[in-house]
Amino acid sequence: MEGTRSSKIVKIGGFAHVRPVLLGGEYPVSIQTMWKDRLEKQDLEGMPGERVIARIAGLESLGCSILRFAVPDLAAAEVLGELAKRVAMPLVADIHFDHKIALRCLDYPIAKIRINPGNIGSAEKVRSVVLKAAEKGVPIRIGVNAGSLPPDLARAMERTEITRADALVMAAERELSVFDELDFYDTLVSMKASSISDTIKANRLFSSRRSEPLHLGVTEAGPLIPGIVRNAVALHALLAEGIGDTIRISISDTMETEVLAAREILGAVADSTGSSQIGRGIVIVSCPRCGRNGFDTHAFAERWRDTLYSLKKDATIAIMGCAVNGPGEARHADLGITGAGDSVLIFKHGNIVRTVSPADADKAFKEELDSL
């Protein structure tokens, strides 16, 4: 986004069959999500394995470019490693407590390692991970969470000697000092809290001191509505200032919803700041529905959501409920559909191009969509 901060560039993937994603500099802000369930070996076999691959492809079509997995043990590391052999999307191993898990993940084409300095262990353990990552050309994200800070920083925060934002930044800088001593610079940083204020303050403070690409998000943000609101408020403030290189909207909902929420936040920031760093993409405009409703906007929008968001073009699509909110209020839309009594109107730039029955609405809409 627009701003004064210029982070260094780090490449995720770009080896073997793994697609490269460049973060930092003038590259677009990338979207990522996290797999919601543990993968077992049998999940990659036969039809279940095909469904996993298909879902990853679906996430990519919606705009996800990096996918993270929790790796709680060595068995999970081996399953993720096998999956990494089969997909082109960069996969990230999220590791806590045991550095040996990170070392095992680095035996596979896993594109990035995420460790938490509050629980990964001694500096020597971190060093062993860094050295192997350097050998393999794999970047590392230092992921600092407010709930798992190093004990001394947590105590200092409890004594009000430092703020939570200070503690988050100090934990990240402490870990980076180990990396700097080892001449390892393929690093990214995240500093997450469930508090909007702490998240904003920590990332602003860090960005004034260091140039590592920043992964943004509000951790444990909650269910769908509060989670999206909290992330939108925090991330808009930072992205509008040019802070942030990749985002994950952490909510208690599906991966697909996280990706779409991230897209909408990026689009809103681009719209409010005039940023040209990301494309406009598909913008869906729809009315909330009321007693004038002549068309079930909710069902239609849900039915067409993934198809529309998967389009690789810049366009505004309007899904309206009645003639009042149809071609008039959505005149700016590239393509729109609305109810009008017993009929359904399809319009482009405010001009009605088709009048069809509700039964033929989807077919007619697809034909006009294909012709955009």
Protein backbone atom coordinates (compact mmCIF):
# COMPACT_ATOMS: atom_id res chain seq x y z
CA MET A 1 0.00 0.00 0.00
CA GLU A 2 0.96 3.64 -0.13
CA GLY A 3 3.38 4.74 2.55
CA THR A 4 6.97 5.59 3.36
CA ARG A 5 8.21 2.23 4.66
CA SER A 6 10.17 0.10 2.22
CA SER A 7 10.77 -3.42 3.48
CA LYS A 8 13.41 -5.71 2.09
CA ILE A 9 12.36 -8.42 -0.35
CA VAL A 10 12.08 -12.06 0.70
CA LYS A 11 11.16 -14.91 -1.65
CA ILE A 12 8.86 -17.68 -0.46
CA GLY A 13 9.17 -20.82 -2.58
CA GLY A 14 10.64 -20.63 -6.05
CA PHE A 15 12.49 -23.94 -5.80
CA ALA A 16 11.66 -27.36 -7.23
CA HIS A 17 8.00 -27.18 -8.33
CA VAL A 18 6.96 -24.60 -5.70
CA ARG A 19 5.62 -21.34 -7.06
CA PRO A 20 7.56 -18.25 -5.89
CA VAL A 21 5.87 -15.49 -3.90
CA LEU A 22 7.85 -12.29 -3.39
CA LEU A 23 7.14 -10.27 -0.27
CA GLY A 24 8.32 -6.76 0.57
CA GLY A 25 9.51 -3.86 -1.52
CA GLU A 26 6.90 -2.80 -4.06
CA TYR A 27 5.38 -6.26 -4.40
CA PRO A 28 1.64 -6.63 -3.73
CA VAL A 29 0.47 -7.55 -0.25
CA SER A 30 -0.09 -11.31 -0.29
CA ILE A 31 -2.93 -13.21 1.34
CA GLN A 32 -2.52 -16.36 3.35
CA THR A 33 -4.64 -18.61 5.52
CA MET A 34 -4.09 -21.59 7.80
CA TRP A 35 -5.37 -25.15 7.40
CA LYS A 36 -7.98 -25.69 10.10
CA ASP A 37 -7.49 -29.38 10.85
CA ARG A 38 -4.69 -31.80 11.48
CA LEU A 39 -3.72 -33.80 8.41
CA GLU A 40 -3.06 -37.50 8.87
CA LYS A 41 -1.27 -39.79 6.44
CA GLN A 42 -4.56 -41.31 5.27
CA ASP A 43 -5.89 -37.85 4.42
CA LEU A 44 -3.48 -37.76 1.48
CA GLU A 45 -4.47 -41.15 0.09
CA GLY A 46 -7.05 -41.82 -2.63
CA MET A 47 -10.14 -39.63 -2.80
CA PRO A 48 -9.41 -37.80 0.47
CA GLY A 49 -6.05 -36.78 -0.96
CA GLU A 50 -7.70 -35.55 -4.14
CA ARG A 51 -10.13 -33.46 -2.07
CA VAL A 52 -7.24 -31.89 -0.16
CA ILE A 53 -5.47 -30.97 -3.40
CA ALA A 54 -8.72 -29.62 -4.88
CA ARG A 55 -9.39 -27.48 -1.83
CA ILE A 56 -5.92 -25.99 -1.97
CA ALA A 57 -6.50 -25.20 -5.65
CA GLY A 58 -9.80 -23.58 -4.68
CA LEU A 59 -8.12 -21.41 -2.06
CA GLU A 60 -5.58 -20.31 -4.64
CA SER A 61 -8.32 -19.39 -7.11
CA LEU A 62 -9.91 -17.17 -4.44
CA GLY A 63 -6.67 -15.27 -3.94
CA CYS A 64 -4.64 -17.20 -1.36
CA SER A 65 -0.95 -17.39 -2.24
CA ILE A 66 0.56 -18.92 0.93
CA LEU A 67 -0.90 -21.71 3.08
CA ARG A 68 0.23 -22.46 6.62
CA PHE A 69 -0.11 -25.69 8.60
CA ALA A 70 0.30 -26.41 12.29
CA VAL A 71 3.01 -29.03 12.76
CA PRO A 72 2.78 -30.28 16.35
CA ASP A 73 4.99 -33.35 16.00
CA LEU A 74 7.31 -35.26 13.70
CA ALA A 75 4.50 -37.35 12.23
CA ALA A 76 2.71 -34.17 11.16
CA ALA A 77 5.97 -32.88 9.66
CA GLU A 78 6.21 -35.94 7.44
CA VAL A 79 2.58 -35.64 6.30
CA LEU A 80 3.05 -31.96 5.44
CA GLY A 81 6.27 -32.82 3.66
CA GLU A 82 4.46 -35.32 1.45
CA LEU A 83 1.76 -32.76 0.68
CA ALA A 84 4.41 -30.19 -0.21
CA LYS A 85 5.66 -32.56 -2.91
CA ARG A 86 2.25 -32.48 -4.60
CA VAL A 87 1.24 -28.81 -4.72
CA ALA A 88 2.75 -25.69 -6.24
CA MET A 89 1.41 -23.29 -3.61
CA PRO A 90 4.08 -22.43 -1.00
CA LEU A 91 3.33 -24.29 2.22
CA VAL A 92 4.47 -23.02 5.62
CA ALA A 93 5.24 -25.15 8.67
CA ASP A 94 4.07 -23.53 11.93
CA ILE A 95 6.21 -24.94 14.74
CA HIS A 96 6.19 -24.53 18.51
CA PHE A 97 8.21 -26.07 21.34
CA ASP A 98 10.37 -28.57 19.43
CA HIS A 99 13.07 -27.36 17.04
CA LYS A 100 13.55 -30.93 15.78
CA ILE A 101 10.20 -30.64 14.01
CA ALA A 102 11.52 -27.63 12.09
CA LEU A 103 14.65 -29.56 11.15
CA ARG A 104 12.53 -32.43 9.80
CA CYS A 105 10.31 -30.08 7.79
CA LEU A 106 13.40 -28.70 6.10
CA ASP A 107 13.99 -32.12 4.55
CA TYR A 108 10.96 -31.47 2.32
CA PRO A 109 10.03 -28.74 -0.22
CA ILE A 110 8.30 -26.70 2.49
CA ALA A 111 8.59 -23.04 1.53
CA LYS A 112 8.84 -21.34 4.91
CA ILE A 113 9.27 -22.12 8.58
CA ARG A 114 7.46 -20.19 11.31
CA ILE A 115 8.83 -20.35 14.84
CA ASN A 116 7.84 -18.61 18.07
CA PRO A 117 10.76 -17.22 20.09
CA GLY A 118 8.73 -17.56 23.28
CA ASN A 119 8.69 -21.34 23.21
CA ILE A 120 11.09 -22.79 20.63
CA GLY A 121 13.92 -23.22 23.11
CA SER A 122 17.53 -22.12 23.54
CA ALA A 123 19.56 -19.96 21.21
CA GLU A 124 21.51 -23.07 20.18
CA LYS A 125 18.29 -24.77 19.05
CA VAL A 126 17.32 -21.71 17.06
CA ARG A 127 20.81 -21.66 15.56
CA SER A 128 20.49 -25.23 14.30
CA VAL A 129 17.22 -24.37 12.54
CA VAL A 130 18.70 -21.21 11.03
CA LEU A 131 21.75 -23.01 9.67
CA LYS A 132 19.68 -25.71 7.99
CA ALA A 133 17.23 -23.14 6.59
CA ALA A 134 20.16 -21.24 5.11
CA GLU A 135 21.46 -24.43 3.53
CA LYS A 136 18.05 -25.14 1.98
CA GLY A 137 17.28 -21.55 0.98
CA VAL A 138 14.13 -21.44 3.11
CA PRO A 139 13.06 -18.21 4.86
CA ILE A 140 11.92 -18.12 8.48
CA ARG A 141 9.12 -16.09 10.01
CA ILE A 142 9.62 -15.03 13.58
CA GLY A 143 6.08 -15.18 14.91
CA VAL A 144 5.64 -13.37 18.22
CA ASN A 145 2.29 -13.67 19.99
CA ALA A 146 1.24 -11.65 23.02
CA GLY A 147 0.16 -14.82 24.78
CA SER A 148 3.53 -16.59 24.51
CA LEU A 149 6.19 -13.99 25.16
CA PRO A 150 9.61 -14.90 26.61
CA PRO A 151 9.21 -15.16 30.42
CA ASP A 152 11.38 -12.16 31.32
CA LEU A 153 9.50 -9.87 28.93
CA ALA A 154 6.17 -11.19 30.19
CA ARG A 155 7.21 -10.41 33.78
CA ALA A 156 8.43 -6.95 32.84
CA MET A 157 5.12 -6.29 31.15
CA GLU A 158 3.18 -7.48 34.20
CA ARG A 159 5.22 -5.05 36.34
CA THR A 160 4.24 -2.30 33.84
CA GLU A 161 7.92 -1.64 33.12
CA ILE A 162 7.19 -2.05 29.41
CA THR A 163 4.01 -2.11 27.35
CA ARG A 164 2.71 -5.16 25.53
CA ALA A 165 3.67 -3.53 22.23
CA ASP A 166 7.21 -2.96 23.55
CA ALA A 167 7.41 -6.60 24.63
CA LEU A 168 6.31 -7.86 21.23
CA VAL A 169 8.92 -5.77 19.45
CA MET A 170 11.67 -6.62 21.92
CA ALA A 171 10.97 -10.35 21.50
CA ALA A 172 11.21 -10.03 17.72
CA GLU A 173 14.39 -7.96 17.87
CA ARG A 174 15.99 -10.37 20.31
CA GLU A 175 15.40 -13.25 17.93
CA LEU A 176 16.56 -11.25 14.93
CA SER A 177 19.85 -10.53 16.69
CA VAL A 178 20.58 -14.26 16.68
CA PHE A 179 19.77 -14.42 12.98
CA ASP A 180 21.94 -11.36 12.27
CA GLU A 181 24.89 -12.94 14.05
CA LEU A 182 24.53 -15.96 11.78
CA ASP A 183 24.29 -13.77 8.67
CA PHE A 184 20.80 -15.10 7.96
CA TYR A 185 18.59 -12.39 6.52
CA ASP A 186 15.75 -14.32 4.84
CA THR A 187 13.50 -13.42 7.72
CA LEU A 188 9.98 -12.13 8.16
CA VAL A 189 8.33 -10.98 11.37
CA SER A 190 4.85 -11.03 12.84
CA MET A 191 3.77 -9.48 16.13
CA LYS A 192 0.20 -10.39 16.93
CA ALA A 193 -2.12 -9.64 19.81
CA SER A 194 -5.85 -9.97 20.30
CA SER A 195 -5.89 -6.24 21.04
CA ILE A 196 -6.26 -3.91 18.06
CA SER A 197 -4.26 -1.19 19.81
CA ASP A 198 -1.36 -3.47 20.73
CA THR A 199 -1.20 -4.91 17.22
CA ILE A 200 -1.06 -1.46 15.64
CA LYS A 201 1.45 -0.04 18.12
CA ALA A 202 3.83 -3.01 17.89
CA ASN A 203 3.92 -3.04 14.10
CA ARG A 204 4.35 0.72 13.88
CA LEU A 205 7.22 0.60 16.36
CA PHE A 206 8.95 -2.29 14.62
CA SER A 207 8.57 -0.75 11.17
CA SER A 208 10.30 2.41 12.39
CA ARG A 209 13.37 0.35 13.36
CA ARG A 210 13.70 -2.59 11.00
CA SER A 211 13.09 -3.45 7.35
CA GLU A 212 12.02 -7.10 7.57
CA PRO A 213 8.74 -7.83 5.76
CA LEU A 214 5.82 -7.89 8.17
CA HIS A 215 3.06 -10.47 8.37
CA LEU A 216 -0.04 -8.77 9.79
CA GLY A 217 -3.02 -10.09 11.67
CA VAL A 218 -5.00 -9.87 14.89
CA THR A 219 -4.66 -13.18 16.68
CA GLU A 220 -7.60 -14.99 18.27
CA ALA A 221 -9.87 -12.34 16.77
CA GLY A 222 -13.04 -14.31 17.42
CA PRO A 223 -16.06 -15.51 15.41
CA LEU A 224 -16.94 -14.27 11.93
CA ILE A 225 -18.30 -10.78 12.58
CA PRO A 226 -16.07 -9.58 15.45
CA GLY A 227 -13.07 -11.27 13.86
CA ILE A 228 -13.46 -9.48 10.56
CA VAL A 229 -14.18 -6.14 12.23
CA ARG A 230 -11.14 -6.31 14.51
CA ASN A 231 -8.84 -7.33 11.69
CA ALA A 232 -10.25 -4.70 9.34
CA VAL A 233 -9.73 -1.87 11.82
CA ALA A 234 -6.18 -2.89 12.74
CA LEU A 235 -5.00 -3.81 9.26
CA HIS A 236 -6.50 -0.77 7.55
CA ALA A 237 -4.61 1.51 9.94
CA LEU A 238 -1.32 -0.23 9.20
CA LEU A 239 -1.69 -0.96 5.50
CA ALA A 240 -2.77 2.62 4.79
CA GLU A 241 0.57 3.70 6.25
CA GLY A 242 2.49 1.29 4.03
CA ILE A 243 3.10 -1.17 6.87
CA GLY A 244 2.57 -4.83 6.06
CA ASP A 245 3.59 -7.24 3.31
CA THR A 246 1.36 -10.27 3.86
CA ILE A 247 -1.83 -10.77 5.88
CA ARG A 248 -3.93 -13.48 7.44
CA ILE A 249 -7.42 -12.80 8.78
CA SER A 250 -7.58 -15.11 11.78
CA ILE A 251 -11.23 -15.89 12.50
CA SER A 252 -13.28 -18.81 13.78
CA ASP A 253 -14.63 -19.63 10.34
CA THR A 254 -13.54 -21.34 7.13
CA MET A 255 -10.29 -20.82 5.30
CA GLU A 256 -12.24 -19.57 2.30
CA THR A 257 -13.91 -16.90 4.42
CA GLU A 258 -10.53 -15.80 5.78
CA VAL A 259 -9.19 -15.37 2.24
CA LEU A 260 -12.23 -13.43 1.05
CA ALA A 261 -12.14 -11.20 4.14
CA ALA A 262 -8.48 -10.46 3.42
CA ARG A 263 -9.30 -9.59 -0.19
CA GLU A 264 -12.03 -7.21 0.90
CA ILE A 265 -9.76 -5.49 3.43
CA LEU A 266 -7.04 -5.01 0.82
CA GLY A 267 -9.61 -3.70 -1.62
CA ALA A 268 -11.02 -1.29 0.94
CA VAL A 269 -7.56 0.05 1.75
CA ALA A 270 -6.79 0.46 -1.94
CA ASP A 271 -10.08 2.28 -2.44
CA SER A 272 -9.61 4.60 0.53
CA THR A 273 -5.96 5.43 -0.18
CA GLY A 274 -5.90 5.33 -3.98
CA SER A 275 -3.18 2.72 -3.81
CA SER A 276 -2.12 1.07 -7.05
CA GLN A 277 -0.14 -1.70 -5.37
CA ILE A 278 -2.94 -4.23 -5.78
CA GLY A 279 -5.45 -4.73 -8.55
CA ARG A 280 -9.09 -3.89 -8.00
CA GLY A 281 -10.16 -7.43 -8.74
CA ILE A 282 -13.80 -8.42 -8.43
CA VAL A 283 -15.95 -6.11 -6.31
CA ILE A 284 -19.36 -7.49 -5.37
CA VAL A 285 -22.06 -4.95 -4.57
CA SER A 286 -25.30 -6.32 -3.15
CA CYS A 287 -28.28 -4.92 -1.31
CA PRO A 288 -29.27 -6.25 2.14
CA ARG A 289 -32.81 -7.20 0.99
CA CYS A 290 -36.04 -5.75 2.32
CA GLY A 291 -39.82 -5.92 1.87
CA ARG A 292 -39.49 -4.70 -1.72
CA ASN A 293 -37.47 -7.80 -2.52
CA GLY A 294 -38.26 -9.34 -5.87
CA PHE A 295 -35.12 -11.46 -6.04
CA ASP A 296 -33.34 -13.59 -3.43
CA THR A 297 -30.05 -11.70 -3.33
CA HIS A 298 -28.71 -13.71 -0.40
CA ALA A 299 -29.06 -17.08 -2.12
CA PHE A 300 -27.78 -15.80 -5.46
CA ALA A 301 -24.75 -14.10 -3.91
CA GLU A 302 -23.88 -17.23 -1.94
CA ARG A 303 -24.31 -19.41 -5.01
CA TRP A 304 -22.06 -17.25 -7.17
CA ARG A 305 -19.54 -16.08 -4.57
CA ASP A 306 -16.62 -18.39 -5.29
CA THR A 307 -17.10 -18.22 -9.06
CA LEU A 308 -17.04 -14.43 -9.02
CA TYR A 309 -14.07 -14.12 -6.70
CA SER A 310 -12.13 -16.61 -8.81
CA LEU A 311 -12.32 -14.38 -11.91
CA LYS A 312 -8.98 -12.90 -12.92
CA LYS A 313 -10.30 -9.51 -13.99
CA ASP A 314 -11.21 -6.11 -12.57
CA ALA A 315 -14.99 -5.72 -12.48
CA THR A 316 -17.84 -4.60 -10.24
CA ILE A 317 -20.74 -7.04 -9.99
CA ALA A 318 -24.07 -5.88 -8.54
CA ILE A 319 -26.61 -8.28 -7.03
CA MET A 320 -29.74 -6.27 -6.19
CA GLY A 321 -33.16 -7.17 -4.89
CA CYS A 322 -35.60 -4.84 -6.62
CA ALA A 323 -35.99 -2.18 -9.29
CA VAL A 324 -35.28 0.60 -6.76
CA ASN A 325 -31.81 -0.77 -6.04
CA GLY A 326 -31.24 -2.19 -9.50
CA PRO A 327 -29.85 -0.38 -12.53
CA GLY A 328 -30.30 3.01 -10.85
CA GLU A 329 -28.24 2.71 -7.65
CA ALA A 330 -25.89 0.18 -9.24
CA ARG A 331 -25.44 2.08 -12.51
CA HIS A 332 -21.66 2.00 -12.07
CA ALA A 333 -21.53 -1.83 -12.09
CA ASP A 334 -19.94 -3.63 -15.00
CA LEU A 335 -22.60 -6.32 -14.66
CA GLY A 336 -25.67 -6.52 -12.46
CA ILE A 337 -28.76 -8.58 -11.77
CA THR A 338 -31.93 -7.51 -10.00
CA GLY A 339 -35.53 -8.51 -9.42
CA ALA A 340 -38.36 -6.53 -11.01
CA GLY A 341 -41.77 -7.92 -10.13
CA ASP A 342 -42.01 -11.43 -11.52
CA SER A 343 -38.96 -10.97 -13.77
CA VAL A 344 -35.23 -10.68 -13.36
CA LEU A 345 -33.28 -7.92 -15.09
CA ILE A 346 -29.64 -8.17 -16.11
CA PHE A 347 -27.88 -4.89 -16.75
CA LYS A 348 -24.48 -3.54 -17.74
CA HIS A 349 -23.41 -0.04 -16.73
CA GLY A 350 -27.00 0.80 -15.87
CA ASN A 351 -28.46 -0.40 -19.18
CA ILE A 352 -30.82 -3.37 -19.14
CA VAL A 353 -29.57 -6.05 -21.53
CA ARG A 354 -31.74 -9.05 -20.56
CA THR A 355 -35.15 -9.65 -19.00
CA VAL A 356 -35.63 -13.27 -17.97
CA SER A 357 -37.64 -15.44 -15.63
CA PRO A 358 -36.21 -16.34 -12.20
CA ALA A 359 -35.74 -19.90 -13.46
CA ASP A 360 -33.45 -18.67 -16.24
CA ALA A 361 -31.58 -16.10 -14.16
CA ASP A 362 -28.44 -18.12 -13.46
CA LYS A 363 -28.03 -19.24 -17.05
CA ALA A 364 -28.50 -15.73 -18.44
CA PHE A 365 -26.20 -14.24 -15.81
CA LYS A 366 -23.45 -16.72 -16.70
CA GLU A 367 -23.74 -15.89 -20.39
CA GLU A 368 -23.37 -12.17 -19.71
CA LEU A 369 -20.57 -12.78 -17.22
CA ASP A 370 -18.65 -14.83 -19.78
CA SER A 371 -18.94 -11.98 -22.27
CA LEU A 372 -17.39 -9.36 -19.97
